[in-house]
Protein backbone atom coordinates (compact mmCIF):
# COMPACT_ATOMS: atom_id res chain seq x y z
CA MET A 1 -14.53 15.55 -15.18
CA ASN A 2 -12.74 18.01 -13.74
CA VAL A 3 -9.33 19.24 -14.61
CA ARG A 4 -7.29 21.58 -12.35
CA SER A 5 -3.93 23.04 -13.66
CA ASN A 6 -1.42 24.18 -11.21
CA ARG A 7 1.76 26.13 -12.00
CA LEU A 8 4.78 25.33 -9.87
CA SER A 9 7.71 27.54 -9.11
CA GLY A 10 10.50 26.42 -11.73
CA GLY A 11 7.85 26.29 -14.52
CA ARG A 12 6.52 23.14 -13.45
CA THR A 13 2.88 21.98 -14.21
CA VAL A 14 0.91 19.62 -12.88
CA LEU A 15 -2.96 18.57 -13.81
CA ILE A 16 -4.73 17.11 -11.62
CA VAL A 17 -7.79 14.68 -12.95
CA LEU A 18 -10.73 14.35 -10.32
CA GLY A 19 -14.17 12.83 -10.45
CA VAL A 20 -13.57 8.67 -12.08
CA ALA A 21 -16.06 7.10 -9.99
CA GLY A 22 -15.82 9.35 -6.68
CA ALA A 23 -11.65 7.57 -6.35
CA ALA A 24 -9.30 9.32 -4.70
CA ILE A 25 -6.87 11.14 -7.08
CA SER A 26 -3.74 13.24 -6.36
CA ALA A 27 -0.72 14.50 -7.90
CA ALA A 28 2.50 16.14 -6.57
CA ALA A 29 5.56 17.73 -8.00
CA GLN A 30 8.92 18.51 -7.24
CA SER A 31 11.31 20.49 -8.80
CA GLN A 32 14.89 19.27 -8.64
CA PRO A 33 17.87 21.29 -8.72
CA ASP A 34 21.04 20.70 -10.46
CA LYS A 35 24.34 19.36 -8.70
CA GLY A 36 25.31 22.85 -8.47
CA ASP A 37 22.57 24.81 -7.17
CA GLN A 38 22.67 25.94 -3.62
CA SER A 39 19.01 26.46 -3.04
CA TRP A 40 15.57 25.72 -4.92
CA THR A 41 12.21 25.80 -3.75
CA ALA A 42 9.22 23.97 -4.79
CA THR A 43 5.45 23.62 -4.59
CA SER A 44 2.76 20.94 -4.91
CA GLU A 45 -0.80 20.70 -4.19
CA THR A 46 -2.52 17.05 -3.53
CA SER A 47 -6.26 16.69 -4.41
CA THR A 48 -8.08 14.16 -3.17
CA ALA A 49 -11.94 13.45 -3.83
CA ASN A 50 -13.99 13.84 -1.09
CA ALA A 51 -11.00 15.40 1.48
CA ASN A 52 -9.38 19.02 1.90
CA PRO A 53 -6.91 19.66 -0.68
CA SER A 54 -3.21 20.18 0.86
CA ARG A 55 -0.50 22.34 -0.51
CA THR A 56 3.22 21.68 0.08
CA THR A 57 6.13 24.09 0.45
CA GLU A 58 9.58 22.74 0.13
CA SER A 59 13.07 24.56 0.22
CA TYR A 60 17.06 23.29 0.17
CA THR A 61 19.86 25.77 0.87
CA GLN A 62 23.37 24.93 1.44
CA SER A 63 25.93 27.43 2.72
CA GLY A 64 29.37 25.81 3.60
CA ASN A 65 29.25 22.58 5.65
CA ARG A 66 25.49 23.67 6.31
CA THR A 67 22.09 22.67 4.70
CA LEU A 68 18.64 23.22 5.82
CA ASP A 69 15.70 21.15 4.15
CA LYS A 70 12.31 22.64 4.91
CA LYS A 71 8.80 21.38 3.95
CA SER A 72 5.70 22.99 5.41
CA VAL A 73 2.42 21.27 4.36
CA GLU A 74 -0.65 23.66 4.61
CA VAL A 75 -4.70 22.34 4.28
CA LEU A 76 -7.58 23.96 3.05
CA GLY A 77 -9.82 25.48 6.07
CA PRO A 78 -13.27 26.08 6.54
CA ASP A 79 -13.07 29.65 5.21
CA GLY A 80 -11.42 28.32 2.03
CA GLU A 81 -7.83 29.44 2.67
CA TYR A 82 -5.07 27.35 3.62
CA GLN A 83 -3.83 27.00 6.89
CA PRO A 84 -0.31 25.64 8.31
CA TYR A 85 -0.44 21.75 9.23
CA ILE A 86 2.72 20.65 9.93
CA GLN A 87 6.12 22.18 8.79
CA ILE A 88 9.52 20.11 9.26
CA GLU A 89 13.03 21.56 9.22
CA ILE A 90 16.40 19.22 8.79
CA GLU A 91 19.56 21.26 9.55
CA THR A 92 22.16 19.11 8.60
CA ILE A 93 26.51 20.12 9.87
CA LYS A 94 29.39 18.43 8.26
CA GLU A 95 31.53 18.75 11.25
CA SER A 96 34.33 16.83 9.82
CA PRO A 97 34.98 14.26 6.98
CA THR A 98 33.68 11.34 9.42
CA ALA A 99 31.20 13.07 11.92
CA THR A 100 28.05 14.84 10.79
CA ARG A 101 25.18 16.29 12.98
CA SER A 102 21.78 16.73 12.31
CA ILE A 103 18.71 18.23 14.04
CA THR A 104 15.20 17.81 12.76
CA ARG A 105 12.46 19.92 14.26
CA THR A 106 8.74 19.65 13.93
CA PHE A 107 6.24 22.30 14.23
CA ASN A 108 2.50 22.09 14.67
CA PRO A 109 0.07 25.07 14.76
CA ASN A 110 -1.24 25.09 18.38
CA PRO A 111 -5.30 25.49 19.23
CA ASP A 112 -4.70 29.41 18.48
CA GLY A 113 -3.20 28.70 14.86
CA ASP A 114 0.51 29.68 15.84
CA GLU A 115 3.32 27.94 15.12
CA GLN A 116 4.49 25.66 17.85
CA LEU A 117 7.68 22.89 18.60
CA THR A 118 6.30 19.81 18.76
CA GLN A 119 9.53 17.23 18.02
CA VAL A 120 13.04 17.63 18.13
CA THR A 121 15.00 14.85 17.29
CA GLU A 122 18.89 15.10 17.12
CA SER A 123 21.50 12.83 15.19
CA GLU A 124 25.08 12.11 15.75
CA SER A 125 27.17 10.09 13.12
CA GLN A 126 30.89 9.30 13.57
CA ASN A 127 32.69 7.31 10.65
CA SER A 128 36.08 5.45 11.21
CA ALA A 129 38.76 4.44 9.00
CA ASP A 130 38.10 0.80 9.74
CA GLY A 131 34.72 0.29 8.43
CA THR A 132 33.12 1.45 12.13
CA ALA A 133 30.14 3.67 12.25
CA ARG A 134 28.25 4.93 15.17
CA THR A 135 25.38 6.81 15.31
CA VAL A 136 23.14 8.34 18.76
CA GLN A 137 19.94 9.59 17.62
CA THR A 138 17.62 10.96 20.41
CA THR A 139 13.93 12.13 20.05
CA SER A 140 12.61 15.10 22.71
CA LYS A 141 9.01 16.52 22.91
CA PRO A 142 7.97 19.48 25.45
CA ASP A 143 6.33 18.64 28.76
CA SER A 144 3.01 21.03 29.87
CA ASN A 145 5.50 23.21 30.82
CA GLY A 146 7.18 23.68 27.08
CA ASN A 147 10.38 21.77 27.90
CA LEU A 148 11.75 20.01 25.91
CA GLU A 149 12.16 16.39 27.55
CA VAL A 150 14.09 12.97 25.98
CA VAL A 151 11.20 10.93 24.69
CA GLY A 152 13.40 8.21 23.22
CA ARG A 153 16.78 7.28 21.69
CA GLU A 154 18.42 4.69 19.38
CA ILE A 155 22.33 4.09 19.18
CA THR A 156 23.22 1.98 16.29
CA ALA A 157 26.87 0.65 15.71
CA THR A 158 27.78 -1.06 12.27
CA THR A 159 30.56 -2.78 11.01
CA LYS A 160 31.66 -2.85 7.31
CA ARG A 161 33.98 -5.36 5.64
CA ALA A 162 34.55 -5.78 1.86
CA ALA A 163 31.51 -8.49 1.56
CA SER A 164 29.76 -7.63 4.49
CA GLN A 165 27.69 -5.26 6.54
CA ASN A 166 26.72 -6.06 10.26
CA SER A 167 24.52 -3.35 12.53
CA GLN A 168 23.23 -3.61 15.96
CA THR A 169 20.44 -0.64 16.74
CA VAL A 170 18.81 -0.57 20.27
CA ILE A 171 15.76 1.60 20.83
CA TYR A 172 15.38 3.11 24.13
CA LEU A 173 11.82 4.56 25.66
CA PRO A 174 10.69 6.00 29.00
CA ASP A 175 10.36 3.89 31.81
CA ILE A 176 8.66 3.55 34.79
CA ASN A 177 11.71 5.43 36.76
CA GLY A 178 11.27 7.88 34.65
CA GLY A 179 14.79 7.26 32.81
CA LEU A 180 15.32 5.31 29.67
CA ALA A 181 15.73 1.69 29.50
CA PRO A 182 16.08 -0.80 26.04
CA SER A 183 13.01 -1.72 24.80
CA MET A 184 13.70 -3.42 21.30
CA GLN A 185 17.05 -4.28 19.64
CA VAL A 186 17.53 -5.17 15.36
CA ASN A 187 20.56 -6.95 14.26
CA GLU A 188 21.05 -6.51 10.31
CA GLN A 189 23.55 -8.89 8.45
CA GLU A 190 24.22 -8.27 4.69
CA GLU A 191 26.76 -10.10 2.59
CA HIS A 192 27.40 -10.33 -0.75
CA SER A 193 29.33 -12.55 -2.93
CA ALA A 194 32.97 -11.74 -4.51
CA SER A 195 30.91 -12.35 -8.11
CA GLY A 196 27.81 -10.04 -7.11
CA GLU A 197 25.85 -13.01 -8.20
CA THR A 198 24.74 -13.59 -4.52
CA TYR A 199 23.06 -11.04 -2.02
CA MET A 200 21.92 -12.26 1.52
CA LYS A 201 20.59 -10.22 4.09
CA LYS A 202 18.90 -11.09 7.67
CA LYS A 203 17.22 -8.60 9.86
CA THR A 204 16.50 -9.90 13.72
CA THR A 205 14.09 -8.22 16.06
CA LEU A 206 14.45 -8.84 19.81
CA LEU A 207 11.98 -7.65 22.40
CA PRO A 208 13.15 -8.06 25.87
CA ASP A 209 11.24 -10.87 28.17
CA PRO A 210 9.79 -10.27 31.81
CA ASN A 211 13.72 -10.11 33.27
CA GLY A 212 15.17 -8.04 30.92
CA ASN A 213 16.50 -10.47 28.15
CA TRP A 214 16.30 -10.17 24.77
CA GLN A 215 14.49 -12.53 22.94
CA VAL A 216 14.00 -13.15 19.07
CA TYR A 217 10.29 -11.92 18.06
CA GLU A 218 10.62 -11.59 14.24
CA SER A 219 13.27 -12.53 11.67
CA GLN A 220 13.62 -11.55 8.14
CA GLU A 221 15.54 -13.17 5.36
CA ASN A 222 16.38 -12.16 1.85
CA ARG A 223 18.54 -13.90 -0.66
CA VAL A 224 18.96 -13.07 -4.14
CA GLU A 225 21.00 -15.00 -6.70
CA GLY A 226 21.81 -14.44 -9.99
CA ASP A 227 23.00 -11.28 -12.80
CA ALA A 228 21.61 -8.00 -14.16
CA GLN A 229 19.64 -10.06 -17.13
CA ASN A 230 18.34 -13.08 -14.71
CA ARG A 231 17.43 -12.53 -11.00
CA THR A 232 15.47 -14.94 -8.04
CA SER A 233 15.08 -13.06 -4.45
CA GLU A 234 13.49 -15.36 -1.57
CA ASP A 235 12.01 -12.81 1.71
CA ARG A 236 11.16 -14.99 4.51
CA ILE A 237 9.07 -13.80 7.80
CA SER A 238 9.74 -15.76 10.81
CA ARG A 239 7.32 -14.89 13.88
CA ARG A 240 7.39 -15.82 17.84
CA ASP A 241 3.94 -16.91 18.21
CA PHE A 242 2.07 -17.36 21.37
CA GLU A 243 3.65 -20.27 22.55
CA GLY A 244 7.37 -18.38 21.93
CA ASN A 245 7.86 -20.33 18.99
CA VAL A 246 9.81 -18.43 16.34
CA SER A 247 8.51 -20.01 12.58
CA PRO A 248 7.96 -18.85 9.10
CA VAL A 249 4.67 -16.42 8.56
CA SER A 250 5.45 -15.27 5.12
CA GLN A 251 7.27 -15.70 1.87
CA VAL A 252 8.08 -13.90 -1.58
CA ILE A 253 9.51 -15.17 -4.04
CA THR A 254 10.36 -12.89 -7.33
CA HIS A 255 12.00 -14.10 -10.72
CA GLN A 256 13.24 -10.97 -12.58
CA THR A 257 14.82 -10.45 -16.11
CA ASN A 258 15.94 -7.15 -18.16
CA ARG A 259 17.14 -7.27 -21.69
CA ASP A 260 16.17 -5.67 -24.82
CA GLY A 261 14.84 -3.04 -23.19
CA ARG A 262 12.18 -4.73 -21.20
CA ALA A 263 12.72 -5.65 -17.55
CA THR A 264 9.97 -7.54 -15.65
CA ALA A 265 9.55 -8.23 -12.35
CA ALA A 266 7.14 -11.50 -11.53
CA SER A 267 6.37 -11.96 -7.97
CA GLU A 268 4.05 -14.41 -5.77
CA THR A 269 3.28 -13.98 -1.73
CA TYR A 270 2.53 -16.94 0.59
CA SER A 271 1.33 -16.37 3.65
CA ILE A 272 -0.07 -18.40 6.59
CA ASP A 273 -2.69 -15.70 7.33
CA ALA A 274 -5.03 -16.30 4.65
CA PRO A 275 -8.26 -14.17 4.40
CA GLY A 276 -11.34 -16.22 4.88
CA TRP A 277 -8.83 -19.36 6.12
CA VAL A 278 -7.68 -21.22 9.37
CA ARG A 279 -3.71 -21.18 9.98
CA ASP A 280 -2.94 -24.57 8.51
CA GLY A 281 0.46 -23.75 6.20
CA PHE A 282 1.20 -21.68 3.04
CA ARG A 283 -1.38 -20.20 0.74
CA LEU A 284 -0.81 -18.25 -2.04
CA ILE A 285 -2.19 -14.54 -1.26
CA GLN A 286 -1.03 -12.49 -4.05
CA ARG A 287 0.22 -12.61 -7.88
CA SER A 288 2.10 -9.47 -8.90
CA THR A 289 3.95 -8.85 -12.39
CA THR A 290 5.49 -5.64 -13.04
CA MET A 291 6.86 -4.68 -16.46
CA ARG A 292 9.05 -1.85 -18.02
CA THR A 293 9.12 -1.34 -21.53
CA VAL A 294 11.81 1.68 -22.67
CA ASP A 295 11.92 2.75 -26.02
CA PRO A 296 13.18 6.00 -27.58
CA GLY A 297 11.10 8.99 -26.10
CA GLN A 298 9.12 6.75 -23.94
CA THR A 299 9.10 4.50 -20.70
CA VAL A 300 5.76 2.46 -20.15
CA THR A 301 5.54 0.53 -16.94
CA GLU A 302 2.82 -1.77 -16.50
CA GLN A 303 1.76 -3.40 -13.14
CA ARG A 304 -0.78 -6.20 -12.14
CA ILE A 305 -1.78 -7.45 -9.04
CA GLU A 306 -3.73 -10.25 -8.47
CA GLN A 307 -5.58 -11.15 -4.69
CA PRO A 308 -7.93 -13.27 -3.33
CA ASP A 309 -11.87 -12.02 -2.65
CA PRO A 310 -11.75 -11.88 1.32
CA GLY A 311 -15.79 -13.14 1.18
CA ASP A 312 -15.22 -15.90 -1.12
CA PRO A 313 -11.39 -17.36 -0.96
CA GLU A 314 -12.34 -20.28 -2.58
CA MET A 315 -12.89 -18.52 -5.69
CA GLY A 316 -8.66 -17.92 -5.81
CA LEU A 317 -7.01 -14.91 -6.87
CA GLY A 318 -10.09 -13.22 -8.47
CA THR A 319 -9.89 -9.27 -7.48
CA ILE A 320 -7.15 -8.08 -9.92
CA THR A 321 -5.70 -3.89 -10.06
CA GLU A 322 -3.65 -2.80 -12.95
CA LYS A 323 -1.67 0.18 -13.17
CA THR A 324 0.18 1.91 -16.06
CA ASP A 325 2.64 4.51 -15.74
CA THR A 326 3.42 5.93 -19.03
CA VAL A 327 6.11 8.66 -19.37
CA VAL A 328 7.05 10.79 -21.93
CA ASN A 329 10.25 12.31 -22.99
CA GLU A 330 9.38 15.60 -24.55
CA SER A 331 11.60 18.86 -24.81
CA PRO A 332 12.19 20.40 -22.26
CA GLY A 333 10.81 17.66 -20.24
CA THR A 334 8.19 14.80 -19.63
CA THR A 335 4.68 14.34 -19.42
CA GLU A 336 3.40 11.22 -16.98
CA THR A 337 0.16 9.53 -16.94
CA ILE A 338 -1.08 7.41 -14.58
CA ILE A 339 -4.14 5.05 -15.02
CA VAL A 340 -5.28 2.56 -12.22
CA THR A 341 -8.06 0.20 -12.77
CA ALA A 342 -10.12 -2.65 -10.80
CA ARG A 343 -11.11 -5.81 -12.01
CA TYR A 344 -13.42 -7.98 -8.95
CA PRO A 345 -14.50 -11.10 -9.61
CA ASP A 346 -18.07 -10.18 -11.64
CA GLY A 347 -15.71 -9.38 -14.22
CA TYR A 348 -16.50 -5.77 -14.11
CA PRO A 349 -13.91 -3.00 -14.44
CA SER A 350 -13.89 0.46 -13.25
CA VAL A 351 -11.06 3.13 -13.49
CA VAL A 352 -10.18 3.96 -10.37
CA THR A 353 -7.85 6.63 -10.58
CA VAL A 354 -6.21 9.04 -13.54
CA GLU A 355 -3.10 11.23 -13.57
CA THR A 356 -1.28 13.29 -15.40
CA ARG A 357 1.71 15.29 -14.78
CA ASN A 358 4.10 17.52 -16.59
CA SER A 359 7.68 18.13 -15.49
CA SER A 360 9.99 20.38 -16.85
CA GLN A 361 12.59 18.16 -15.21
CA PRO A 362 13.61 14.42 -17.31
CA TYR A 363 12.89 10.98 -14.35
CA PRO A 364 16.11 9.29 -14.27
CA ASP A 365 15.84 5.81 -15.36
CA ALA A 366 16.68 4.66 -11.73
CA ARG A 367 13.17 5.73 -10.94
CA PHE A 368 11.79 2.79 -13.15
CA ALA A 369 13.93 0.13 -12.04
CA VAL A 370 12.43 -3.22 -11.01
CA ASN A 371 15.74 -4.99 -10.13
CA HIS A 372 17.01 -5.88 -6.42
CA PRO A 373 19.07 -3.03 -5.41
CA ARG A 374 22.92 -3.76 -4.14
């Protein structure tokens, strides 16, 4: 087993454990600033078995109404030196209390290894006091002469009320005439009861038919009932088939409990597309359980996923993957250990990955939440 220790900015150390059954293992860390910080930097390394390591450098700078986020990824070259792979810069300007503009620039190395601008995305958001908002996002790429040309645009209109929120996004792509034409529409509706015990969300994706009229391609519905201690959610996806009918194709039912320092979520996933079976109704294709236990100085999250063997679906849910994530709070930070194992129908378990991370920053409790977000 090969263990490497890397000291990162801000005093953070990452221990990367390699060589377990040839599995892919990675570890990454990011220094998080205090709320009063105006700037920070972080460096992380990712090591994967049988692949080149990578190094990521991130920085954040805030000055007045402007913020600048930079992320640069380098990969190990054939000469053993790190070389640029991708760089992303996000500049955000708060132009007024209701207007925000951001520019995202993506750079990649050209054949000579020099940095080259490959994509620019500009976003402008305008909020109103009546609860409406409008966002226009435009993506441009350089043409053969290096001049930027628009390749896509998204326009989103959102309306918020006390117990609901509706939004519509229209995506435009280049057409045969060289302009932009609507190619996809996404509508979302969210509602919740005054007591907070019922939450519903519906997302509908529409595509244009040959005549340019919108028709439903996919519909996703999510319904949550209960409180912070006991909650049940149901996610259902319906999709248009080759005959033009929109019918259910998958369903996920999740039961959640949260009491005495222990949060548990148990889910069952059903689909009409089950490996090794013909389409003749819903079949159980996955069962998962996630349990988080919080004790003084330690948080343990355990996840168990059961799936059928694609080669022999008659055997039921015989393939089991288990993940244990243990975080120990130490002064001044935390130590996290992640172990993933797999058990196959023959009963033989094997360790898939092992990761150990040391951090000078404590993890927030929200990192381990299993409750449905509201």
